[in-house]
Amino acid sequence: LFALFDLVPGLEYCDVQRDPYTNSGYAV
């Protein structure tokens, strides 16, 4: 995910979070 969003210049951080009760993905 970091590599994907790093295609746009200026990426400061990519924080991936995971819900223990579901299999969905969430990131800031």
PDB file of all heavy atoms in Angstrom:
ATOM      1  N   LEU A   1       0.837  -1.200   0.000  1.00  0.00           N
ATOM      2  CA  LEU A   1       0.000   0.000   0.000  1.00  0.00           C
ATOM      3  C   LEU A   1       0.874   1.254   0.000  1.00  0.00           C
ATOM      4  O   LEU A   1       0.569   2.235  -0.691  1.00  0.00           O
ATOM      5  CB  LEU A   1      -0.928   0.002   1.217  1.00  0.00           C
ATOM      6  CG  LEU A   1      -2.068   1.027   1.145  1.00  0.00           C
ATOM      7  CD1 LEU A   1      -3.057   0.649   0.046  1.00  0.00           C
ATOM      8  CD2 LEU A   1      -2.800   1.135   2.473  1.00  0.00           C
ATOM      9  N   PHE A   2       1.959   1.212   0.759  1.00  0.00           N
ATOM     10  CA  PHE A   2       2.883   2.344   0.788  1.00  0.00           C
ATOM     11  C   PHE A   2       3.432   2.608  -0.610  1.00  0.00           C
ATOM     12  O   PHE A   2       3.484   3.760  -1.071  1.00  0.00           O
ATOM     13  CB  PHE A   2       4.039   2.075   1.765  1.00  0.00           C
ATOM     14  CG  PHE A   2       5.001   3.232   1.916  1.00  0.00           C
ATOM     15  CD1 PHE A   2       4.832   4.163   2.936  1.00  0.00           C
ATOM     16  CD2 PHE A   2       6.052   3.400   1.030  1.00  0.00           C
ATOM     17  CE1 PHE A   2       5.700   5.227   3.077  1.00  0.00           C
ATOM     18  CE2 PHE A   2       6.922   4.476   1.153  1.00  0.00           C
ATOM     19  CZ  PHE A   2       6.744   5.387   2.179  1.00  0.00           C
ATOM     20  N   ALA A   3       3.834   1.535  -1.303  1.00  0.00           N
ATOM     21  CA  ALA A   3       4.395   1.680  -2.647  1.00  0.00           C
ATOM     22  C   ALA A   3       3.368   2.266  -3.616  1.00  0.00           C
ATOM     23  O   ALA A   3       3.705   3.077  -4.488  1.00  0.00           O
ATOM     24  CB  ALA A   3       4.883   0.321  -3.154  1.00  0.00           C
ATOM     25  N   LEU A   4       2.103   1.885  -3.450  1.00  0.00           N
ATOM     26  CA  LEU A   4       1.045   2.381  -4.327  1.00  0.00           C
ATOM     27  C   LEU A   4       0.835   3.880  -4.148  1.00  0.00           C
ATOM     28  O   LEU A   4       0.817   4.641  -5.118  1.00  0.00           O
ATOM     29  CB  LEU A   4      -0.260   1.627  -4.044  1.00  0.00           C
ATOM     30  CG  LEU A   4      -1.482   2.030  -4.881  1.00  0.00           C
ATOM     31  CD1 LEU A   4      -1.244   1.739  -6.351  1.00  0.00           C
ATOM     32  CD2 LEU A   4      -2.717   1.276  -4.391  1.00  0.00           C
ATOM     33  N   PHE A   5       0.692   4.324  -2.903  1.00  0.00           N
ATOM     34  CA  PHE A   5       0.424   5.743  -2.650  1.00  0.00           C
ATOM     35  C   PHE A   5       1.688   6.596  -2.756  1.00  0.00           C
ATOM     36  O   PHE A   5       1.597   7.815  -2.910  1.00  0.00           O
ATOM     37  CB  PHE A   5      -0.233   5.922  -1.282  1.00  0.00           C
ATOM     38  CG  PHE A   5      -1.714   5.635  -1.303  1.00  0.00           C
ATOM     39  CD1 PHE A   5      -2.184   4.338  -1.192  1.00  0.00           C
ATOM     40  CD2 PHE A   5      -2.638   6.660  -1.478  1.00  0.00           C
ATOM     41  CE1 PHE A   5      -3.549   4.060  -1.242  1.00  0.00           C
ATOM     42  CE2 PHE A   5      -3.999   6.405  -1.534  1.00  0.00           C
ATOM     43  CZ  PHE A   5      -4.460   5.100  -1.417  1.00  0.00           C
ATOM     44  N   ASP A   6       2.854   5.968  -2.702  1.00  0.00           N
ATOM     45  CA  ASP A   6       4.109   6.701  -2.855  1.00  0.00           C
ATOM     46  C   ASP A   6       4.353   7.103  -4.309  1.00  0.00           C
ATOM     47  O   ASP A   6       5.268   7.869  -4.604  1.00  0.00           O
ATOM     48  CB  ASP A   6       5.274   5.847  -2.344  1.00  0.00           C
ATOM     49  CG  ASP A   6       6.533   6.675  -2.112  1.00  0.00           C
ATOM     50  OD1 ASP A   6       6.409   7.832  -1.667  1.00  0.00           O
ATOM     51  OD2 ASP A   6       7.642   6.162  -2.373  1.00  0.00           O
ATOM     52  N   LEU A   7       3.510   6.601  -5.231  1.00  0.00           N
ATOM     53  CA  LEU A   7       3.597   7.037  -6.628  1.00  0.00           C
ATOM     54  C   LEU A   7       3.275   8.521  -6.752  1.00  0.00           C
ATOM     55  O   LEU A   7       3.721   9.196  -7.676  1.00  0.00           O
ATOM     56  CB  LEU A   7       2.635   6.225  -7.508  1.00  0.00           C
ATOM     57  CG  LEU A   7       3.000   4.752  -7.729  1.00  0.00           C
ATOM     58  CD1 LEU A   7       1.876   4.042  -8.458  1.00  0.00           C
ATOM     59  CD2 LEU A   7       4.291   4.650  -8.524  1.00  0.00           C
ATOM     60  N   VAL A   8       2.484   9.027  -5.810  1.00  0.00           N
ATOM     61  CA  VAL A   8       2.178  10.463  -5.774  1.00  0.00           C
ATOM     62  C   VAL A   8       3.202  11.129  -4.850  1.00  0.00           C
ATOM     63  O   VAL A   8       3.334  10.735  -3.690  1.00  0.00           O
ATOM     64  CB  VAL A   8       0.748  10.716  -5.247  1.00  0.00           C
ATOM     65  CG1 VAL A   8       0.467  12.209  -5.174  1.00  0.00           C
ATOM     66  CG2 VAL A   8      -0.271  10.021  -6.137  1.00  0.00           C
ATOM     67  N   PRO A   9       3.946  12.121  -5.333  1.00  0.00           N
ATOM     68  CA  PRO A   9       4.989  12.760  -4.515  1.00  0.00           C
ATOM     69  C   PRO A   9       4.420  13.380  -3.238  1.00  0.00           C
ATOM     70  O   PRO A   9       3.306  13.882  -3.222  1.00  0.00           O
ATOM     71  CB  PRO A   9       5.537  13.856  -5.444  1.00  0.00           C
ATOM     72  CG  PRO A   9       5.195  13.396  -6.818  1.00  0.00           C
ATOM     73  CD  PRO A   9       3.888  12.674  -6.697  1.00  0.00           C
ATOM     74  N   GLY A  10       5.237  13.319  -2.168  1.00  0.00           N
ATOM     75  CA  GLY A  10       4.867  13.992  -0.927  1.00  0.00           C
ATOM     76  C   GLY A  10       4.286  13.094   0.145  1.00  0.00           C
ATOM     77  O   GLY A  10       3.801  13.581   1.164  1.00  0.00           O
ATOM     78  N   LEU A  11       4.338  11.752  -0.049  1.00  0.00           N
ATOM     79  CA  LEU A  11       3.792  10.846   0.964  1.00  0.00           C
ATOM     80  C   LEU A  11       4.614  10.943   2.250  1.00  0.00           C
ATOM     81  O   LEU A  11       5.826  10.781   2.240  1.00  0.00           O
ATOM     82  CB  LEU A  11       3.808   9.400   0.448  1.00  0.00           C
ATOM     83  CG  LEU A  11       3.257   8.334   1.405  1.00  0.00           C
ATOM     84  CD1 LEU A  11       1.782   8.566   1.684  1.00  0.00           C
ATOM     85  CD2 LEU A  11       3.473   6.933   0.835  1.00  0.00           C
ATOM     86  N   GLU A  12       3.937  11.213   3.368  1.00  0.00           N
ATOM     87  CA  GLU A  12       4.618  11.330   4.658  1.00  0.00           C
ATOM     88  C   GLU A  12       4.537  10.040   5.455  1.00  0.00           C
ATOM     89  O   GLU A  12       5.510   9.615   6.061  1.00  0.00           O
ATOM     90  CB  GLU A  12       4.031  12.491   5.467  1.00  0.00           C
ATOM     91  CG  GLU A  12       4.378  13.858   4.898  1.00  0.00           C
ATOM     92  CD  GLU A  12       3.982  14.994   5.818  1.00  0.00           C
ATOM     93  OE1 GLU A  12       3.039  14.826   6.620  1.00  0.00           O
ATOM     94  OE2 GLU A  12       4.629  16.065   5.743  1.00  0.00           O
ATOM     95  N   TYR A  13       3.346   9.435   5.506  1.00  0.00           N
ATOM     96  CA  TYR A  13       3.255   8.139   6.175  1.00  0.00           C
ATOM     97  C   TYR A  13       2.042   7.363   5.701  1.00  0.00           C
ATOM     98  O   TYR A  13       1.085   7.905   5.170  1.00  0.00           O
ATOM     99  CB  TYR A  13       3.257   8.281   7.699  1.00  0.00           C
ATOM    100  CG  TYR A  13       2.001   8.864   8.308  1.00  0.00           C
ATOM    101  CD1 TYR A  13       0.841   8.096   8.475  1.00  0.00           C
ATOM    102  CD2 TYR A  13       1.976  10.183   8.768  1.00  0.00           C
ATOM    103  CE1 TYR A  13      -0.301   8.637   9.060  1.00  0.00           C
ATOM    104  CE2 TYR A  13       0.845  10.728   9.353  1.00  0.00           C
ATOM    105  CZ  TYR A  13      -0.291   9.946   9.489  1.00  0.00           C
ATOM    106  OH  TYR A  13      -1.415  10.468  10.069  1.00  0.00           O
ATOM    107  N   CYS A  14       2.130   6.053   5.899  1.00  0.00           N
ATOM    108  CA  CYS A  14       1.046   5.130   5.541  1.00  0.00           C
ATOM    109  C   CYS A  14       0.864   4.190   6.735  1.00  0.00           C
ATOM    110  O   CYS A  14       1.751   3.404   7.059  1.00  0.00           O
ATOM    111  CB  CYS A  14       1.419   4.354   4.278  1.00  0.00           C
ATOM    112  SG  CYS A  14       0.318   2.964   3.913  1.00  0.00           S
ATOM    113  N   ASP A  15      -0.270   4.312   7.415  1.00  0.00           N
ATOM    114  CA  ASP A  15      -0.525   3.527   8.625  1.00  0.00           C
ATOM    115  C   ASP A  15      -1.651   2.521   8.358  1.00  0.00           C
ATOM    116  O   ASP A  15      -2.818   2.887   8.262  1.00  0.00           O
ATOM    117  CB  ASP A  15      -0.910   4.468   9.768  1.00  0.00           C
ATOM    118  CG  ASP A  15      -1.156   3.724  11.074  1.00  0.00           C
ATOM    119  OD1 ASP A  15      -0.666   2.578  11.202  1.00  0.00           O
ATOM    120  OD2 ASP A  15      -1.847   4.274  11.948  1.00  0.00           O
ATOM    121  N   VAL A  16      -1.285   1.253   8.219  1.00  0.00           N
ATOM    122  CA  VAL A  16      -2.269   0.202   7.955  1.00  0.00           C
ATOM    123  C   VAL A  16      -2.804  -0.350   9.277  1.00  0.00           C
ATOM    124  O   VAL A  16      -2.034  -0.685  10.178  1.00  0.00           O
ATOM    125  CB  VAL A  16      -1.642  -0.941   7.134  1.00  0.00           C
ATOM    126  CG1 VAL A  16      -2.596  -2.127   7.045  1.00  0.00           C
ATOM    127  CG2 VAL A  16      -1.285  -0.456   5.750  1.00  0.00           C
ATOM    128  N   GLN A  17      -4.141  -0.405   9.378  1.00  0.00           N
ATOM    129  CA  GLN A  17      -4.775  -0.932  10.583  1.00  0.00           C
ATOM    130  C   GLN A  17      -5.681  -2.100  10.203  1.00  0.00           C
ATOM    131  O   GLN A  17      -6.212  -2.141   9.092  1.00  0.00           O
ATOM    132  CB  GLN A  17      -5.581   0.174  11.272  1.00  0.00           C
ATOM    133  CG  GLN A  17      -4.731   1.372  11.651  1.00  0.00           C
ATOM    134  CD  GLN A  17      -5.567   2.539  12.127  1.00  0.00           C
ATOM    135  OE1 GLN A  17      -6.745   2.392  12.415  1.00  0.00           O
ATOM    136  NE2 GLN A  17      -4.958   3.721  12.206  1.00  0.00           N
ATOM    137  N   ARG A  18      -5.866  -3.023  11.097  1.00  0.00           N
ATOM    138  CA  ARG A  18      -6.684  -4.191  10.797  1.00  0.00           C
ATOM    139  C   ARG A  18      -7.726  -4.418  11.893  1.00  0.00           C
ATOM    140  O   ARG A  18      -7.416  -4.363  13.083  1.00  0.00           O
ATOM    141  CB  ARG A  18      -5.803  -5.439  10.645  1.00  0.00           C
ATOM    142  CG  ARG A  18      -6.591  -6.696  10.314  1.00  0.00           C
ATOM    143  CD  ARG A  18      -5.698  -7.852   9.947  1.00  0.00           C
ATOM    144  NE  ARG A  18      -4.940  -7.579   8.728  1.00  0.00           N
ATOM    145  CZ  ARG A  18      -4.123  -8.448   8.160  1.00  0.00           C
ATOM    146  NH1 ARG A  18      -3.945  -9.635   8.700  1.00  0.00           N
ATOM    147  NH2 ARG A  18      -3.475  -8.134   7.070  1.00  0.00           N
ATOM    148  N   ASP A  19      -8.959  -4.639  11.459  1.00  0.00           N
ATOM    149  CA  ASP A  19     -10.047  -4.938  12.384  1.00  0.00           C
ATOM    150  C   ASP A  19      -9.976  -6.429  12.732  1.00  0.00           C
ATOM    151  O   ASP A  19     -10.076  -7.275  11.846  1.00  0.00           O
ATOM    152  CB  ASP A  19     -11.388  -4.614  11.722  1.00  0.00           C
ATOM    153  CG  ASP A  19     -12.557  -4.740  12.685  1.00  0.00           C
ATOM    154  OD1 ASP A  19     -12.440  -5.512  13.673  1.00  0.00           O
ATOM    155  OD2 ASP A  19     -13.586  -4.099  12.463  1.00  0.00           O
ATOM    156  N   PRO A  20      -9.790  -6.769  14.014  1.00  0.00           N
ATOM    157  CA  PRO A  20      -9.663  -8.190  14.388  1.00  0.00           C
ATOM    158  C   PRO A  20     -10.936  -8.999  14.140  1.00  0.00           C
ATOM    159  O   PRO A  20     -10.895 -10.223  14.097  1.00  0.00           O
ATOM    160  CB  PRO A  20      -9.328  -8.126  15.883  1.00  0.00           C
ATOM    161  CG  PRO A  20      -9.878  -6.806  16.346  1.00  0.00           C
ATOM    162  CD  PRO A  20      -9.708  -5.881  15.189  1.00  0.00           C
ATOM    163  N   TYR A  21     -12.075  -8.307  13.958  1.00  0.00           N
ATOM    164  CA  TYR A  21     -13.342  -9.027  13.804  1.00  0.00           C
ATOM    165  C   TYR A  21     -13.763  -9.195  12.342  1.00  0.00           C
ATOM    166  O   TYR A  21     -14.682  -9.943  12.039  1.00  0.00           O
ATOM    167  CB  TYR A  21     -14.455  -8.285  14.563  1.00  0.00           C
ATOM    168  CG  TYR A  21     -14.134  -8.127  16.036  1.00  0.00           C
ATOM    169  CD1 TYR A  21     -13.707  -6.903  16.537  1.00  0.00           C
ATOM    170  CD2 TYR A  21     -14.237  -9.205  16.918  1.00  0.00           C
ATOM    171  CE1 TYR A  21     -13.394  -6.745  17.875  1.00  0.00           C
ATOM    172  CE2 TYR A  21     -13.925  -9.050  18.264  1.00  0.00           C
ATOM    173  CZ  TYR A  21     -13.510  -7.825  18.737  1.00  0.00           C
ATOM    174  OH  TYR A  21     -13.198  -7.669  20.064  1.00  0.00           O
ATOM    175  N   THR A  22     -13.121  -8.475  11.468  1.00  0.00           N
ATOM    176  CA  THR A  22     -13.450  -8.611  10.043  1.00  0.00           C
ATOM    177  C   THR A  22     -12.160  -8.796   9.251  1.00  0.00           C
ATOM    178  O   THR A  22     -11.062  -8.653   9.778  1.00  0.00           O
ATOM    179  CB  THR A  22     -14.185  -7.369   9.504  1.00  0.00           C
ATOM    180  OG1 THR A  22     -13.275  -6.253   9.491  1.00  0.00           O
ATOM    181  CG2 THR A  22     -15.390  -7.029  10.354  1.00  0.00           C
ATOM    182  N   ASN A  23     -12.310  -9.087   7.973  1.00  0.00           N
ATOM    183  CA  ASN A  23     -11.145  -9.279   7.124  1.00  0.00           C
ATOM    184  C   ASN A  23     -10.892  -8.067   6.242  1.00  0.00           C
ATOM    185  O   ASN A  23     -10.101  -8.113   5.311  1.00  0.00           O
ATOM    186  CB  ASN A  23     -11.351 -10.522   6.227  1.00  0.00           C
ATOM    187  CG  ASN A  23     -10.036 -11.044   5.687  1.00  0.00           C
ATOM    188  OD1 ASN A  23      -9.030 -11.020   6.386  1.00  0.00           O
ATOM    189  ND2 ASN A  23     -10.042 -11.500   4.439  1.00  0.00           N
ATOM    190  N   SER A  24     -11.577  -6.960   6.540  1.00  0.00           N
ATOM    191  CA  SER A  24     -11.443  -5.781   5.693  1.00  0.00           C
ATOM    192  C   SER A  24     -10.160  -5.019   6.021  1.00  0.00           C
ATOM    193  O   SER A  24      -9.555  -5.209   7.075  1.00  0.00           O
ATOM    194  CB  SER A  24     -12.652  -4.861   5.882  1.00  0.00           C
ATOM    195  OG  SER A  24     -12.756  -4.465   7.234  1.00  0.00           O
ATOM    196  N   GLY A  25      -9.764  -4.165   5.076  1.00  0.00           N
ATOM    197  CA  GLY A  25      -8.549  -3.386   5.264  1.00  0.00           C
ATOM    198  C   GLY A  25      -8.867  -1.923   5.507  1.00  0.00           C
ATOM    199  O   GLY A  25      -9.830  -1.390   4.969  1.00  0.00           O
ATOM    200  N   TYR A  26      -8.055  -1.276   6.337  1.00  0.00           N
ATOM    201  CA  TYR A  26      -8.228   0.148   6.619  1.00  0.00           C
ATOM    202  C   TYR A  26      -6.848   0.769   6.810  1.00  0.00           C
ATOM    203  O   TYR A  26      -5.973   0.181   7.451  1.00  0.00           O
ATOM    204  CB  TYR A  26      -9.061   0.364   7.879  1.00  0.00           C
ATOM    205  CG  TYR A  26      -9.213   1.816   8.259  1.00  0.00           C
ATOM    206  CD1 TYR A  26     -10.094   2.643   7.570  1.00  0.00           C
ATOM    207  CD2 TYR A  26      -8.452   2.372   9.285  1.00  0.00           C
ATOM    208  CE1 TYR A  26     -10.222   3.983   7.893  1.00  0.00           C
ATOM    209  CE2 TYR A  26      -8.568   3.708   9.624  1.00  0.00           C
ATOM    210  CZ  TYR A  26      -9.458   4.516   8.926  1.00  0.00           C
ATOM    211  OH  TYR A  26      -9.578   5.843   9.246  1.00  0.00           O
ATOM    212  N   ALA A  27      -6.649   1.956   6.230  1.00  0.00           N
ATOM    213  CA  ALA A  27      -5.355   2.626   6.376  1.00  0.00           C
ATOM    214  C   ALA A  27      -5.550   4.134   6.379  1.00  0.00           C
ATOM    215  O   ALA A  27      -6.528   4.657   5.830  1.00  0.00           O
ATOM    216  CB  ALA A  27      -4.414   2.226   5.239  1.00  0.00           C
ATOM    217  N   VAL A  28      -4.603   4.827   7.015  1.00  0.00           N
ATOM    218  CA  VAL A  28      -4.578   6.294   7.016  1.00  0.00           C
ATOM    219  C   VAL A  28      -3.325   6.725   6.266  1.00  0.00           C
ATOM    220  O   VAL A  28      -2.221   6.270   6.561  1.00  0.00           O
ATOM    221  CB  VAL A  28      -4.567   6.865   8.449  1.00  0.00           C
ATOM    222  CG1 VAL A  28      -4.415   8.384   8.412  1.00  0.00           C
ATOM    223  CG2 VAL A  28      -5.843   6.482   9.184  1.00  0.00           C
TER     224      VAL A  28
END
